[in-house]
């Protein structure tokens, strides 16, 4: 800390992104622009359909509309800044801007964890307790679950960002990533980050582990119930009501776990960047296609 006080605190970072591919910047811009437009249009159409069609005014589609809204927002927290960087070559972002991006992106990802858990619980009630479904999962209760998902997601990151805002940065200021992620952000700090890392771990256990365990438990019960159904036709019908959500959950948690469990070696940095791209871009793009089918 003493050394840090004797140095000038930096006020901006350089997001290196895909700077090692200078000849492909325009091509990458066009590819990501098409992906972003497809993501926004696909998810917006789902929200519009859920609102406009009276037949879709049920808890399952209400949660789906919330999920599409979350995915549109968290893609928009990253993609416009990345597209501008690819087009103009300006890779700078202020420290406060970096924290703000990290806050909104992290909050929306945490919100998605809760919404996926709520949707899995909805499917659990529909398949395992069909006679009580309409009583247990009414519109008022589903609204509370959705509101709680948004509130918990943003509360978790508000607490964490309060820790992050105390960090001091005095160089280097190059972040080898295409957006402000937590680990590269903390690696650039010249403050002691042990308490921040501990806070991150505790908040992850308190806020994100419960929805993951709820999702896992719900699907264990769902699969066990489906396997006990004697009729093949009824088994297929029951599975079809939750198969799209199961695919979405697998893509989301699969890519998320690979990114954050991969060892943080320099040799794996490029691979980590590619996997992060899959985690931030793939689920919001694929989910509307999965649910539409």
C-alpha atoms as a PDB file:
ATOM      1  CA  UNK A   1       0.000   0.000   0.000  1.00  0.00           C
ATOM      2  CA  UNK A   2       2.881   2.335   0.746  1.00  0.00           C
ATOM      3  CA  UNK A   3       4.238   1.892  -2.773  1.00  0.00           C
ATOM      4  CA  UNK A   4       0.794   2.521  -4.210  1.00  0.00           C
ATOM      5  CA  UNK A   5       0.381   5.821  -2.402  1.00  0.00           C
ATOM      6  CA  UNK A   6       3.642   7.064  -3.931  1.00  0.00           C
ATOM      7  CA  UNK A   7       2.323   6.401  -7.451  1.00  0.00           C
ATOM      8  CA  UNK A   8      -0.289   8.197  -9.507  1.00  0.00           C
ATOM      9  CA  UNK A   9      -3.656   6.416  -9.432  1.00  0.00           C
ATOM     10  CA  UNK A  10      -4.821   5.508 -12.936  1.00  0.00           C
ATOM     11  CA  UNK A  11      -8.270   6.618 -14.079  1.00  0.00           C
ATOM     12  CA  UNK A  12      -8.817   4.429 -17.155  1.00  0.00           C
ATOM     13  CA  UNK A  13      -8.156   0.945 -18.475  1.00  0.00           C
ATOM     14  CA  UNK A  14      -7.323  -0.385 -21.929  1.00  0.00           C
ATOM     15  CA  UNK A  15      -9.543  -3.329 -22.852  1.00  0.00           C
ATOM     16  CA  UNK A  16      -7.260  -5.230 -25.221  1.00  0.00           C
ATOM     17  CA  UNK A  17     -10.126  -7.394 -26.461  1.00  0.00           C
ATOM     18  CA  UNK A  18      -9.204  -8.818 -29.842  1.00  0.00           C
ATOM     19  CA  UNK A  19      -6.351  -6.409 -30.475  1.00  0.00           C
ATOM     20  CA  UNK A  20      -4.069  -9.302 -31.420  1.00  0.00           C
ATOM     21  CA  UNK A  21      -6.184  -9.732 -34.592  1.00  0.00           C
ATOM     22  CA  UNK A  22      -5.817  -6.277 -36.219  1.00  0.00           C
ATOM     23  CA  UNK A  23      -6.727  -7.465 -39.722  1.00  0.00           C
ATOM     24  CA  UNK A  24     -10.018  -8.971 -38.557  1.00  0.00           C
ATOM     25  CA  UNK A  25     -11.467  -6.007 -36.639  1.00  0.00           C
ATOM     26  CA  UNK A  26     -14.077  -5.079 -39.280  1.00  0.00           C
ATOM     27  CA  UNK A  27     -15.039  -8.718 -39.848  1.00  0.00           C
ATOM     28  CA  UNK A  28     -15.418  -9.262 -36.090  1.00  0.00           C
ATOM     29  CA  UNK A  29     -17.473  -6.055 -35.869  1.00  0.00           C
ATOM     30  CA  UNK A  30     -19.897  -7.314 -38.526  1.00  0.00           C
ATOM     31  CA  UNK A  31     -20.167 -10.781 -36.946  1.00  0.00           C
ATOM     32  CA  UNK A  32     -20.854  -9.410 -33.450  1.00  0.00           C
ATOM     33  CA  UNK A  33     -23.245  -6.787 -34.834  1.00  0.00           C
ATOM     34  CA  UNK A  34     -25.346  -9.519 -36.478  1.00  0.00           C
ATOM     35  CA  UNK A  35     -25.220 -11.598 -33.263  1.00  0.00           C
ATOM     36  CA  UNK A  36     -26.251  -8.622 -31.134  1.00  0.00           C
ATOM     37  CA  UNK A  37     -29.104  -7.639 -33.464  1.00  0.00           C
ATOM     38  CA  UNK A  38     -30.310 -11.253 -33.567  1.00  0.00           C
ATOM     39  CA  UNK A  39     -30.193 -11.464 -29.770  1.00  0.00           C
ATOM     40  CA  UNK A  40     -32.099  -8.216 -29.217  1.00  0.00           C
ATOM     41  CA  UNK A  41     -34.714  -8.933 -31.910  1.00  0.00           C
ATOM     42  CA  UNK A  42     -35.263 -12.558 -30.786  1.00  0.00           C
ATOM     43  CA  UNK A  43     -35.662 -11.751 -27.115  1.00  0.00           C
ATOM     44  CA  UNK A  44     -37.757  -8.631 -27.769  1.00  0.00           C
ATOM     45  CA  UNK A  45     -40.142 -10.662 -29.954  1.00  0.00           C
ATOM     46  CA  UNK A  46     -40.639 -13.147 -27.126  1.00  0.00           C
ATOM     47  CA  UNK A  47     -41.464 -10.325 -24.672  1.00  0.00           C
ATOM     48  CA  UNK A  48     -43.902  -8.759 -27.166  1.00  0.00           C
ATOM     49  CA  UNK A  49     -45.605 -12.116 -27.845  1.00  0.00           C
ATOM     50  CA  UNK A  50     -45.976 -12.893 -24.136  1.00  0.00           C
ATOM     51  CA  UNK A  51     -47.542  -9.473 -23.506  1.00  0.00           C
ATOM     52  CA  UNK A  52     -49.769  -9.433 -26.608  1.00  0.00           C
ATOM     53  CA  UNK A  53     -51.095 -13.013 -26.701  1.00  0.00           C
ATOM     54  CA  UNK A  54     -53.775 -13.761 -24.092  1.00  0.00           C
ATOM     55  CA  UNK A  55     -53.028 -17.496 -24.357  1.00  0.00           C
ATOM     56  CA  UNK A  56     -49.511 -16.867 -23.039  1.00  0.00           C
ATOM     57  CA  UNK A  57     -50.614 -15.059 -19.878  1.00  0.00           C
ATOM     58  CA  UNK A  58     -49.486 -17.876 -17.592  1.00  0.00           C
ATOM     59  CA  UNK A  59     -46.672 -18.093 -15.000  1.00  0.00           C
ATOM     60  CA  UNK A  60     -44.399 -20.100 -17.321  1.00  0.00           C
ATOM     61  CA  UNK A  61     -44.507 -17.493 -20.099  1.00  0.00           C
ATOM     62  CA  UNK A  62     -44.409 -14.622 -17.616  1.00  0.00           C
ATOM     63  CA  UNK A  63     -41.067 -15.965 -16.346  1.00  0.00           C
ATOM     64  CA  UNK A  64     -39.906 -16.505 -19.931  1.00  0.00           C
ATOM     65  CA  UNK A  65     -40.666 -12.853 -20.723  1.00  0.00           C
ATOM     66  CA  UNK A  66     -38.599 -11.787 -17.707  1.00  0.00           C
ATOM     67  CA  UNK A  67     -35.748 -14.057 -18.796  1.00  0.00           C
ATOM     68  CA  UNK A  68     -35.749 -12.576 -22.309  1.00  0.00           C
ATOM     69  CA  UNK A  69     -35.723  -9.071 -20.827  1.00  0.00           C
ATOM     70  CA  UNK A  70     -32.735  -9.941 -18.611  1.00  0.00           C
ATOM     71  CA  UNK A  71     -30.796 -11.423 -21.518  1.00  0.00           C
ATOM     72  CA  UNK A  72     -31.429  -8.401 -23.734  1.00  0.00           C
ATOM     73  CA  UNK A  73     -30.166  -6.131 -20.949  1.00  0.00           C
ATOM     74  CA  UNK A  74     -27.054  -8.092 -20.022  1.00  0.00           C
ATOM     75  CA  UNK A  75     -26.000  -8.466 -23.643  1.00  0.00           C
ATOM     76  CA  UNK A  76     -26.488  -4.706 -24.022  1.00  0.00           C
ATOM     77  CA  UNK A  77     -24.223  -4.115 -21.016  1.00  0.00           C
ATOM     78  CA  UNK A  78     -21.275  -5.520 -23.010  1.00  0.00           C
ATOM     79  CA  UNK A  79     -21.871  -5.664 -26.758  1.00  0.00           C
ATOM     80  CA  UNK A  80     -22.325  -1.945 -27.686  1.00  0.00           C
ATOM     81  CA  UNK A  81     -19.038  -1.029 -25.969  1.00  0.00           C
ATOM     82  CA  UNK A  82     -17.250  -3.937 -27.674  1.00  0.00           C
ATOM     83  CA  UNK A  83     -18.716  -3.025 -31.092  1.00  0.00           C
ATOM     84  CA  UNK A  84     -17.617   0.603 -30.693  1.00  0.00           C
ATOM     85  CA  UNK A  85     -14.107  -0.559 -29.788  1.00  0.00           C
ATOM     86  CA  UNK A  86     -13.887  -2.823 -32.860  1.00  0.00           C
ATOM     87  CA  UNK A  87     -15.159  -0.079 -35.173  1.00  0.00           C
ATOM     88  CA  UNK A  88     -13.186   2.905 -33.859  1.00  0.00           C
ATOM     89  CA  UNK A  89     -10.161   1.229 -32.298  1.00  0.00           C
ATOM     90  CA  UNK A  90     -10.756   3.129 -29.034  1.00  0.00           C
ATOM     91  CA  UNK A  91     -10.099   0.587 -26.296  1.00  0.00           C
ATOM     92  CA  UNK A  92     -10.174   2.911 -23.286  1.00  0.00           C
ATOM     93  CA  UNK A  93     -12.740   2.740 -20.521  1.00  0.00           C
ATOM     94  CA  UNK A  94     -12.716   4.744 -17.279  1.00  0.00           C
ATOM     95  CA  UNK A  95     -12.324   2.943 -13.957  1.00  0.00           C
ATOM     96  CA  UNK A  96     -15.813   4.126 -12.906  1.00  0.00           C
ATOM     97  CA  UNK A  97     -17.205   3.019 -16.284  1.00  0.00           C
ATOM     98  CA  UNK A  98     -15.582  -0.374 -15.813  1.00  0.00           C
ATOM     99  CA  UNK A  99     -17.127  -0.773 -12.357  1.00  0.00           C
ATOM    100  CA  UNK A 100     -20.515   0.306 -13.742  1.00  0.00           C
ATOM    101  CA  UNK A 101     -20.327  -2.245 -16.571  1.00  0.00           C
ATOM    102  CA  UNK A 102     -19.280  -4.937 -14.114  1.00  0.00           C
ATOM    103  CA  UNK A 103     -22.164  -4.002 -11.801  1.00  0.00           C
ATOM    104  CA  UNK A 104     -24.931  -4.166 -14.425  1.00  0.00           C
ATOM    105  CA  UNK A 105     -23.580  -7.263 -16.144  1.00  0.00           C
ATOM    106  CA  UNK A 106     -23.044  -9.110 -12.847  1.00  0.00           C
ATOM    107  CA  UNK A 107     -26.441  -8.071 -11.472  1.00  0.00           C
ATOM    108  CA  UNK A 108     -28.257  -9.283 -14.576  1.00  0.00           C
ATOM    109  CA  UNK A 109     -26.378 -12.605 -14.631  1.00  0.00           C
ATOM    110  CA  UNK A 110     -27.258 -13.125 -10.941  1.00  0.00           C
ATOM    111  CA  UNK A 111     -30.881 -12.247 -11.773  1.00  0.00           C
ATOM    112  CA  UNK A 112     -30.848 -14.874 -14.519  1.00  0.00           C
ATOM    113  CA  UNK A 113     -29.641 -17.487 -11.996  1.00  0.00           C
ATOM    114  CA  UNK A 114     -32.692 -16.742  -9.858  1.00  0.00           C
ATOM    115  CA  UNK A 115     -35.106 -16.679 -12.805  1.00  0.00           C
ATOM    116  CA  UNK A 116     -33.829 -20.057 -14.037  1.00  0.00           C
ATOM    117  CA  UNK A 117     -34.364 -21.433 -10.517  1.00  0.00           C
ATOM    118  CA  UNK A 118     -37.884 -19.982 -10.393  1.00  0.00           C
ATOM    119  CA  UNK A 119     -38.679 -21.454 -13.825  1.00  0.00           C
ATOM    120  CA  UNK A 120     -37.394 -24.868 -12.757  1.00  0.00           C
ATOM    121  CA  UNK A 121     -39.573 -24.677  -9.628  1.00  0.00           C
ATOM    122  CA  UNK A 122     -42.544 -23.771 -11.844  1.00  0.00           C
ATOM    123  CA  UNK A 123     -41.890 -26.866 -13.988  1.00  0.00           C
ATOM    124  CA  UNK A 124     -41.480 -28.974 -10.832  1.00  0.00           C
ATOM    125  CA  UNK A 125     -44.946 -27.933  -9.628  1.00  0.00           C
ATOM    126  CA  UNK A 126     -46.467 -28.486 -13.083  1.00  0.00           C
ATOM    127  CA  UNK A 127     -45.073 -32.027 -13.436  1.00  0.00           C
ATOM    128  CA  UNK A 128     -44.769 -33.297  -9.866  1.00  0.00           C
ATOM    129  CA  UNK A 129     -47.860 -31.602  -8.364  1.00  0.00           C
ATOM    130  CA  UNK A 130     -50.182 -30.970 -11.347  1.00  0.00           C
ATOM    131  CA  UNK A 131     -53.421 -31.021  -9.315  1.00  0.00           C
ATOM    132  CA  UNK A 132     -52.153 -28.241  -7.033  1.00  0.00           C
ATOM    133  CA  UNK A 133     -50.310 -26.225  -9.699  1.00  0.00           C
ATOM    134  CA  UNK A 134     -52.940 -23.537 -10.316  1.00  0.00           C
ATOM    135  CA  UNK A 135     -53.330 -22.986  -6.569  1.00  0.00           C
ATOM    136  CA  UNK A 136     -49.628 -22.898  -5.715  1.00  0.00           C
ATOM    137  CA  UNK A 137     -48.385 -20.972  -8.759  1.00  0.00           C
ATOM    138  CA  UNK A 138     -50.873 -18.161  -9.233  1.00  0.00           C
ATOM    139  CA  UNK A 139     -50.155 -14.836 -10.956  1.00  0.00           C
ATOM    140  CA  UNK A 140     -49.622 -12.951  -7.690  1.00  0.00           C
ATOM    141  CA  UNK A 141     -47.067 -15.482  -6.422  1.00  0.00           C
ATOM    142  CA  UNK A 142     -45.278 -15.617  -9.792  1.00  0.00           C
ATOM    143  CA  UNK A 143     -45.001 -11.813  -9.777  1.00  0.00           C
ATOM    144  CA  UNK A 144     -43.400 -11.944  -6.310  1.00  0.00           C
ATOM    145  CA  UNK A 145     -40.925 -14.604  -7.474  1.00  0.00           C
ATOM    146  CA  UNK A 146     -39.925 -12.547 -10.525  1.00  0.00           C
ATOM    147  CA  UNK A 147     -39.575  -9.335  -8.486  1.00  0.00           C
ATOM    148  CA  UNK A 148     -37.520 -11.203  -5.877  1.00  0.00           C
ATOM    149  CA  UNK A 149     -35.205 -12.508  -8.621  1.00  0.00           C
ATOM    150  CA  UNK A 150     -34.479  -8.984  -9.879  1.00  0.00           C
ATOM    151  CA  UNK A 151     -34.073  -7.604  -6.347  1.00  0.00           C
ATOM    152  CA  UNK A 152     -31.683 -10.333  -5.164  1.00  0.00           C
ATOM    153  CA  UNK A 153     -29.576 -10.113  -8.330  1.00  0.00           C
ATOM    154  CA  UNK A 154     -28.995  -6.378  -7.967  1.00  0.00           C
ATOM    155  CA  UNK A 155     -28.600  -6.519  -4.171  1.00  0.00           C
ATOM    156  CA  UNK A 156     -25.786  -9.083  -4.431  1.00  0.00           C
ATOM    157  CA  UNK A 157     -23.761  -6.955  -6.839  1.00  0.00           C
ATOM    158  CA  UNK A 158     -24.469  -3.711  -4.965  1.00  0.00           C
ATOM    159  CA  UNK A 159     -22.756  -5.149  -1.899  1.00  0.00           C
ATOM    160  CA  UNK A 160     -19.859  -6.531  -3.962  1.00  0.00           C
ATOM    161  CA  UNK A 161     -19.318  -3.303  -5.913  1.00  0.00           C
ATOM    162  CA  UNK A 162     -19.015  -1.414  -2.604  1.00  0.00           C
ATOM    163  CA  UNK A 163     -15.966  -3.618  -1.922  1.00  0.00           C
ATOM    164  CA  UNK A 164     -14.587  -3.121  -5.445  1.00  0.00           C
ATOM    165  CA  UNK A 165     -14.923   0.666  -5.280  1.00  0.00           C
ATOM    166  CA  UNK A 166     -12.391   0.731  -2.427  1.00  0.00           C
ATOM    167  CA  UNK A 167      -9.609  -0.710  -4.613  1.00  0.00           C
ATOM    168  CA  UNK A 168      -6.800   1.536  -5.835  1.00  0.00           C
ATOM    169  CA  UNK A 169      -5.217   1.196  -9.280  1.00  0.00           C
ATOM    170  CA  UNK A 170      -1.736   2.505 -10.003  1.00  0.00           C
ATOM    171  CA  UNK A 171      -0.686   0.468 -13.057  1.00  0.00           C
ATOM    172  CA  UNK A 172      -0.519  -1.504 -15.247  1.00  0.00           C
ATOM    173  CA  UNK A 173      -3.826  -0.542 -16.829  1.00  0.00           C
ATOM    174  CA  UNK A 174      -4.163  -3.058 -19.686  1.00  0.00           C
ATOM    175  CA  UNK A 175      -6.954  -5.616 -19.233  1.00  0.00           C
ATOM    176  CA  UNK A 176      -6.645  -8.599 -21.560  1.00  0.00           C
ATOM    177  CA  UNK A 177     -10.384  -8.994 -22.004  1.00  0.00           C
ATOM    178  CA  UNK A 178     -13.235  -7.599 -24.105  1.00  0.00           C
ATOM    179  CA  UNK A 179     -15.294  -6.459 -21.102  1.00  0.00           C
ATOM    180  CA  UNK A 180     -14.716  -5.637 -17.427  1.00  0.00           C
ATOM    181  CA  UNK A 181     -14.723  -9.012 -15.713  1.00  0.00           C
ATOM    182  CA  UNK A 182     -14.172  -9.421 -11.962  1.00  0.00           C
ATOM    183  CA  UNK A 183     -10.931 -11.415 -11.957  1.00  0.00           C
ATOM    184  CA  UNK A 184      -8.989  -9.333 -14.547  1.00  0.00           C
ATOM    185  CA  UNK A 185     -10.275  -6.201 -12.791  1.00  0.00           C
ATOM    186  CA  UNK A 186      -8.927  -7.253  -9.385  1.00  0.00           C
ATOM    187  CA  UNK A 187      -5.635  -8.439 -10.889  1.00  0.00           C
ATOM    188  CA  UNK A 188      -4.881  -4.841 -11.948  1.00  0.00           C
ATOM    189  CA  UNK A 189      -5.344  -3.430  -8.454  1.00  0.00           C
ATOM    190  CA  UNK A 190      -2.325  -2.566  -6.311  1.00  0.00           C
ATOM    191  CA  UNK A 191      -4.478  -2.789  -3.159  1.00  0.00           C
ATOM    192  CA  UNK A 192      -4.721  -5.873  -0.982  1.00  0.00           C
ATOM    193  CA  UNK A 193      -7.563  -7.859  -2.607  1.00  0.00           C
ATOM    194  CA  UNK A 194      -7.816 -10.699  -0.069  1.00  0.00           C
ATOM    195  CA  UNK A 195     -10.875  -9.227   1.650  1.00  0.00           C
ATOM    196  CA  UNK A 196     -12.550  -8.516  -1.706  1.00  0.00           C
ATOM    197  CA  UNK A 197     -11.929 -12.104  -2.843  1.00  0.00           C
ATOM    198  CA  UNK A 198     -13.333 -13.393   0.465  1.00  0.00           C
ATOM    199  CA  UNK A 199     -16.370 -11.124   0.074  1.00  0.00           C
ATOM    200  CA  UNK A 200     -16.861 -12.372  -3.488  1.00  0.00           C
ATOM    201  CA  UNK A 201     -16.774 -15.987  -2.260  1.00  0.00           C
ATOM    202  CA  UNK A 202     -19.239 -15.349   0.588  1.00  0.00           C
ATOM    203  CA  UNK A 203     -21.663 -13.426  -1.654  1.00  0.00           C
ATOM    204  CA  UNK A 204     -21.464 -16.172  -4.304  1.00  0.00           C
ATOM    205  CA  UNK A 205     -22.348 -18.782  -1.663  1.00  0.00           C
ATOM    206  CA  UNK A 206     -25.182 -16.701  -0.205  1.00  0.00           C
ATOM    207  CA  UNK A 207     -26.737 -15.346  -3.403  1.00  0.00           C
ATOM    208  CA  UNK A 208     -25.895 -17.672  -6.321  1.00  0.00           C
ATOM    209  CA  UNK A 209     -25.434 -21.131  -4.767  1.00  0.00           C
ATOM    210  CA  UNK A 210     -29.057 -21.435  -3.474  1.00  0.00           C
ATOM    211  CA  UNK A 211     -30.705 -20.831  -6.899  1.00  0.00           C
ATOM    212  CA  UNK A 212     -28.299 -23.314  -8.526  1.00  0.00           C
ATOM    213  CA  UNK A 213     -29.104 -25.969  -5.884  1.00  0.00           C
ATOM    214  CA  UNK A 214     -32.837 -25.264  -6.256  1.00  0.00           C
ATOM    215  CA  UNK A 215     -32.568 -25.707 -10.034  1.00  0.00           C
ATOM    216  CA  UNK A 216     -30.615 -28.950  -9.612  1.00  0.00           C
ATOM    217  CA  UNK A 217     -33.024 -30.346  -6.993  1.00  0.00           C
ATOM    218  CA  UNK A 218     -36.093 -29.413  -9.060  1.00  0.00           C
ATOM    219  CA  UNK A 219     -34.804 -31.284 -12.094  1.00  0.00           C
ATOM    220  CA  UNK A 220     -33.807 -34.329 -10.050  1.00  0.00           C
ATOM    221  CA  UNK A 221     -37.403 -34.497  -8.782  1.00  0.00           C
ATOM    222  CA  UNK A 222     -38.803 -33.846 -12.281  1.00  0.00           C
ATOM    223  CA  UNK A 223     -36.708 -36.595 -13.895  1.00  0.00           C
ATOM    224  CA  UNK A 224     -37.597 -39.054 -11.103  1.00  0.00           C
ATOM    225  CA  UNK A 225     -41.312 -38.269 -11.560  1.00  0.00           C
ATOM    226  CA  UNK A 226     -41.159 -38.617 -15.361  1.00  0.00           C
ATOM    227  CA  UNK A 227     -39.391 -41.993 -15.118  1.00  0.00           C
ATOM    228  CA  UNK A 228     -42.216 -43.297 -12.910  1.00  0.00           C
ATOM    229  CA  UNK A 229     -44.882 -42.482 -15.515  1.00  0.00           C
ATOM    230  CA  UNK A 230     -45.964 -45.826 -17.071  1.00  0.00           C
ATOM    231  CA  UNK A 231     -47.095 -44.488 -20.457  1.00  0.00           C
ATOM    232  CA  UNK A 232     -44.388 -43.626 -23.004  1.00  0.00           C
ATOM    233  CA  UNK A 233     -46.616 -40.986 -24.597  1.00  0.00           C
ATOM    234  CA  UNK A 234     -47.261 -39.301 -21.247  1.00  0.00           C
ATOM    235  CA  UNK A 235     -43.541 -39.441 -20.406  1.00  0.00           C
ATOM    236  CA  UNK A 236     -42.681 -37.704 -23.685  1.00  0.00           C
ATOM    237  CA  UNK A 237     -45.406 -35.092 -23.146  1.00  0.00           C
ATOM    238  CA  UNK A 238     -44.202 -34.374 -19.596  1.00  0.00           C
ATOM    239  CA  UNK A 239     -40.575 -34.099 -20.703  1.00  0.00           C
ATOM    240  CA  UNK A 240     -41.482 -31.796 -23.607  1.00  0.00           C
ATOM    241  CA  UNK A 241     -42.877 -29.215 -21.147  1.00  0.00           C
ATOM    242  CA  UNK A 242     -39.459 -28.763 -19.501  1.00  0.00           C
ATOM    243  CA  UNK A 243     -36.950 -29.848 -22.179  1.00  0.00           C
ATOM    244  CA  UNK A 244     -36.417 -26.333 -23.596  1.00  0.00           C
ATOM    245  CA  UNK A 245     -35.766 -24.917 -20.122  1.00  0.00           C
ATOM    246  CA  UNK A 246     -33.382 -27.784 -19.322  1.00  0.00           C
ATOM    247  CA  UNK A 247     -31.374 -27.023 -22.493  1.00  0.00           C
ATOM    248  CA  UNK A 248     -31.187 -23.321 -21.538  1.00  0.00           C
ATOM    249  CA  UNK A 249     -30.074 -24.168 -17.977  1.00  0.00           C
ATOM    250  CA  UNK A 250     -27.397 -26.542 -19.286  1.00  0.00           C
ATOM    251  CA  UNK A 251     -25.993 -23.960 -21.726  1.00  0.00           C
ATOM    252  CA  UNK A 252     -26.004 -21.175 -19.125  1.00  0.00           C
ATOM    253  CA  UNK A 253     -24.451 -23.044 -16.196  1.00  0.00           C
ATOM    254  CA  UNK A 254     -22.198 -25.155 -18.426  1.00  0.00           C
ATOM    255  CA  UNK A 255     -20.459 -22.163 -20.023  1.00  0.00           C
ATOM    256  CA  UNK A 256     -20.467 -20.237 -16.707  1.00  0.00           C
ATOM    257  CA  UNK A 257     -18.728 -23.050 -14.818  1.00  0.00           C
ATOM    258  CA  UNK A 258     -16.143 -23.660 -17.541  1.00  0.00           C
ATOM    259  CA  UNK A 259     -15.177 -19.972 -17.599  1.00  0.00           C
ATOM    260  CA  UNK A 260     -14.807 -19.541 -13.846  1.00  0.00           C
ATOM    261  CA  UNK A 261     -13.350 -22.985 -13.031  1.00  0.00           C
ATOM    262  CA  UNK A 262     -10.703 -22.910 -15.763  1.00  0.00           C
ATOM    263  CA  UNK A 263      -7.203 -22.359 -14.302  1.00  0.00           C
ATOM    264  CA  UNK A 264      -6.085 -18.728 -14.720  1.00  0.00           C
ATOM    265  CA  UNK A 265      -2.755 -19.450 -16.433  1.00  0.00           C
ATOM    266  CA  UNK A 266      -1.298 -17.130 -19.067  1.00  0.00           C
ATOM    267  CA  UNK A 267      -1.257 -20.022 -21.544  1.00  0.00           C
ATOM    268  CA  UNK A 268      -5.027 -20.439 -21.119  1.00  0.00           C
ATOM    269  CA  UNK A 269      -5.826 -16.711 -21.257  1.00  0.00           C
ATOM    270  CA  UNK A 270      -6.915 -16.760 -24.923  1.00  0.00           C
ATOM    271  CA  UNK A 271      -9.014 -19.886 -24.367  1.00  0.00           C
ATOM    272  CA  UNK A 272     -10.633 -18.236 -21.339  1.00  0.00           C
ATOM    273  CA  UNK A 273     -11.450 -15.199 -23.488  1.00  0.00           C
ATOM    274  CA  UNK A 274     -13.129 -17.369 -26.140  1.00  0.00           C
ATOM    275  CA  UNK A 275     -15.106 -19.280 -23.504  1.00  0.00           C
ATOM    276  CA  UNK A 276     -16.152 -15.988 -21.892  1.00  0.00           C
ATOM    277  CA  UNK A 277     -17.430 -14.934 -25.297  1.00  0.00           C
ATOM    278  CA  UNK A 278     -19.519 -18.114 -25.489  1.00  0.00           C
ATOM    279  CA  UNK A 279     -20.880 -17.493 -21.993  1.00  0.00           C
ATOM    280  CA  UNK A 280     -21.826 -13.859 -22.621  1.00  0.00           C
ATOM    281  CA  UNK A 281     -23.053 -14.161 -26.230  1.00  0.00           C
ATOM    282  CA  UNK A 282     -24.264 -17.745 -26.770  1.00  0.00           C
ATOM    283  CA  UNK A 283     -27.086 -18.160 -24.190  1.00  0.00           C
ATOM    284  CA  UNK A 284     -28.956 -14.914 -25.047  1.00  0.00           C
ATOM    285  CA  UNK A 285     -28.710 -15.726 -28.771  1.00  0.00           C
ATOM    286  CA  UNK A 286     -29.708 -19.396 -28.514  1.00  0.00           C
ATOM    287  CA  UNK A 287     -32.433 -19.149 -25.866  1.00  0.00           C
ATOM    288  CA  UNK A 288     -35.090 -17.505 -28.101  1.00  0.00           C
ATOM    289  CA  UNK A 289     -34.476 -20.199 -30.731  1.00  0.00           C
ATOM    290  CA  UNK A 290     -34.743 -22.983 -28.141  1.00  0.00           C
ATOM    291  CA  UNK A 291     -37.982 -21.671 -26.636  1.00  0.00           C
ATOM    292  CA  UNK A 292     -39.491 -20.926 -30.044  1.00  0.00           C
ATOM    293  CA  UNK A 293     -38.917 -24.494 -31.179  1.00  0.00           C
END
